[in-house]
Amino acid sequence: MELAVEHDRAARRFHATVDGHRCVLDYTLSGDLMSIVHTGVPAEVGGRGIAARLTETAVDAARAAGWRVAPLCSYARVWFERHPEFRDLLA
């Protein structure tokens, strides 16, 4: 599935709209530490890999910016367990 994920730096949010439903990943930033605090995908569009795409986009942005990542939300923690190639970014 093609998914256009946008990064709203001011709101500290990655988001996408799927079938009219807003899907989000929220983070905080302290120095060079990105803390992923919430990943939300409405049930109506769940099960399509949207949360994974939001998380991967956020982690790619963190790597490009030279940030470390603290996966504070449960989804992000599981995502990192499933993607050991990104563990070098863990704070």
Protein backbone atom coordinates (compact mmCIF):
# COMPACT_ATOMS: atom_id res chain seq x y z
CA MET A 1 0.00 0.00 0.00
CA GLU A 2 1.30 3.42 -0.96
CA LEU A 3 1.14 5.75 2.04
CA ALA A 4 2.04 9.43 2.08
CA VAL A 5 3.37 10.20 5.56
CA GLU A 6 3.85 13.86 6.46
CA HIS A 7 6.05 15.26 9.22
CA ASP A 8 4.65 18.23 11.11
CA ARG A 9 7.77 19.41 12.96
CA ALA A 10 5.95 22.15 14.87
CA ALA A 11 3.40 19.66 16.26
CA ARG A 12 6.06 16.93 16.62
CA ARG A 13 3.86 14.52 14.73
CA PHE A 14 4.02 12.19 11.74
CA HIS A 15 0.62 11.67 10.15
CA ALA A 16 -1.23 10.17 7.23
CA THR A 17 -4.86 10.07 6.20
CA VAL A 18 -6.20 6.71 5.06
CA ASP A 19 -9.76 6.38 3.79
CA GLY A 20 -10.61 9.61 5.58
CA HIS A 21 -9.11 8.50 8.92
CA ARG A 22 -6.20 10.35 10.50
CA CYS A 23 -3.34 8.12 11.64
CA VAL A 24 -0.61 9.59 13.84
CA LEU A 25 2.69 9.09 15.58
CA ASP A 26 3.45 11.71 18.24
CA TYR A 27 6.88 12.36 19.71
CA THR A 28 8.71 14.72 21.99
CA LEU A 29 12.17 16.07 21.36
CA SER A 30 14.70 16.95 24.01
CA GLY A 31 18.10 17.83 22.61
CA ASP A 32 18.93 14.92 20.33
CA LEU A 33 16.45 12.49 21.94
CA MET A 34 13.21 11.68 20.13
CA SER A 35 10.73 9.98 22.44
CA ILE A 36 7.90 8.25 20.60
CA VAL A 37 4.95 8.73 22.95
CA HIS A 38 1.91 7.65 20.93
CA THR A 39 1.02 5.77 17.77
CA GLY A 40 -2.63 5.82 16.79
CA VAL A 41 -4.42 4.13 13.92
CA PRO A 42 -8.24 3.98 13.98
CA ALA A 43 -9.69 0.46 13.98
CA GLU A 44 -11.45 1.18 10.68
CA VAL A 45 -8.10 1.19 8.88
CA GLY A 46 -6.10 -1.05 11.18
CA GLY A 47 -4.22 -4.12 10.07
CA ARG A 48 -2.74 -2.52 6.97
CA GLY A 49 0.76 -1.78 8.27
CA ILE A 50 0.05 1.91 8.79
CA ALA A 51 1.53 2.11 12.29
CA ALA A 52 4.65 0.34 11.02
CA ARG A 53 5.02 2.83 8.17
CA LEU A 54 4.57 5.80 10.53
CA THR A 55 7.17 4.35 12.89
CA GLU A 56 9.68 3.57 10.15
CA THR A 57 9.30 7.08 8.74
CA ALA A 58 9.87 8.59 12.19
CA VAL A 59 12.92 6.41 12.83
CA ASP A 60 14.36 7.26 9.40
CA ALA A 61 13.90 10.96 10.21
CA ALA A 62 15.61 10.47 13.56
CA ARG A 63 18.58 8.78 11.89
CA ALA A 64 18.86 11.58 9.31
CA ALA A 65 18.81 14.20 12.07
CA GLY A 66 21.33 12.35 14.24
CA TRP A 67 18.81 11.72 17.04
CA ARG A 68 18.56 8.78 19.42
CA VAL A 69 15.11 7.23 19.92
CA ALA A 70 13.24 6.26 23.09
CA PRO A 71 10.22 4.11 22.13
CA LEU A 72 7.89 4.96 25.02
CA CYS A 73 4.62 3.77 23.47
CA SER A 74 3.94 0.04 23.42
CA TYR A 75 3.68 -0.18 19.63
CA ALA A 76 7.06 1.50 19.10
CA ARG A 77 8.71 -0.86 21.62
CA VAL A 78 7.39 -3.90 19.76
CA TRP A 79 8.38 -2.38 16.41
CA PHE A 80 12.00 -2.05 17.56
CA GLU A 81 11.97 -5.67 18.76
CA ARG A 82 10.88 -6.72 15.26
CA HIS A 83 13.43 -4.50 13.49
CA PRO A 84 16.87 -5.12 15.00
CA GLU A 85 18.51 -3.19 12.15
CA PHE A 86 17.36 0.02 13.87
CA ARG A 87 18.43 -0.84 17.44
CA ASP A 88 21.57 1.27 17.10
CA LEU A 89 19.28 4.31 17.48
CA LEU A 90 17.85 3.24 20.83
CA ALA A 91 18.57 5.57 23.71
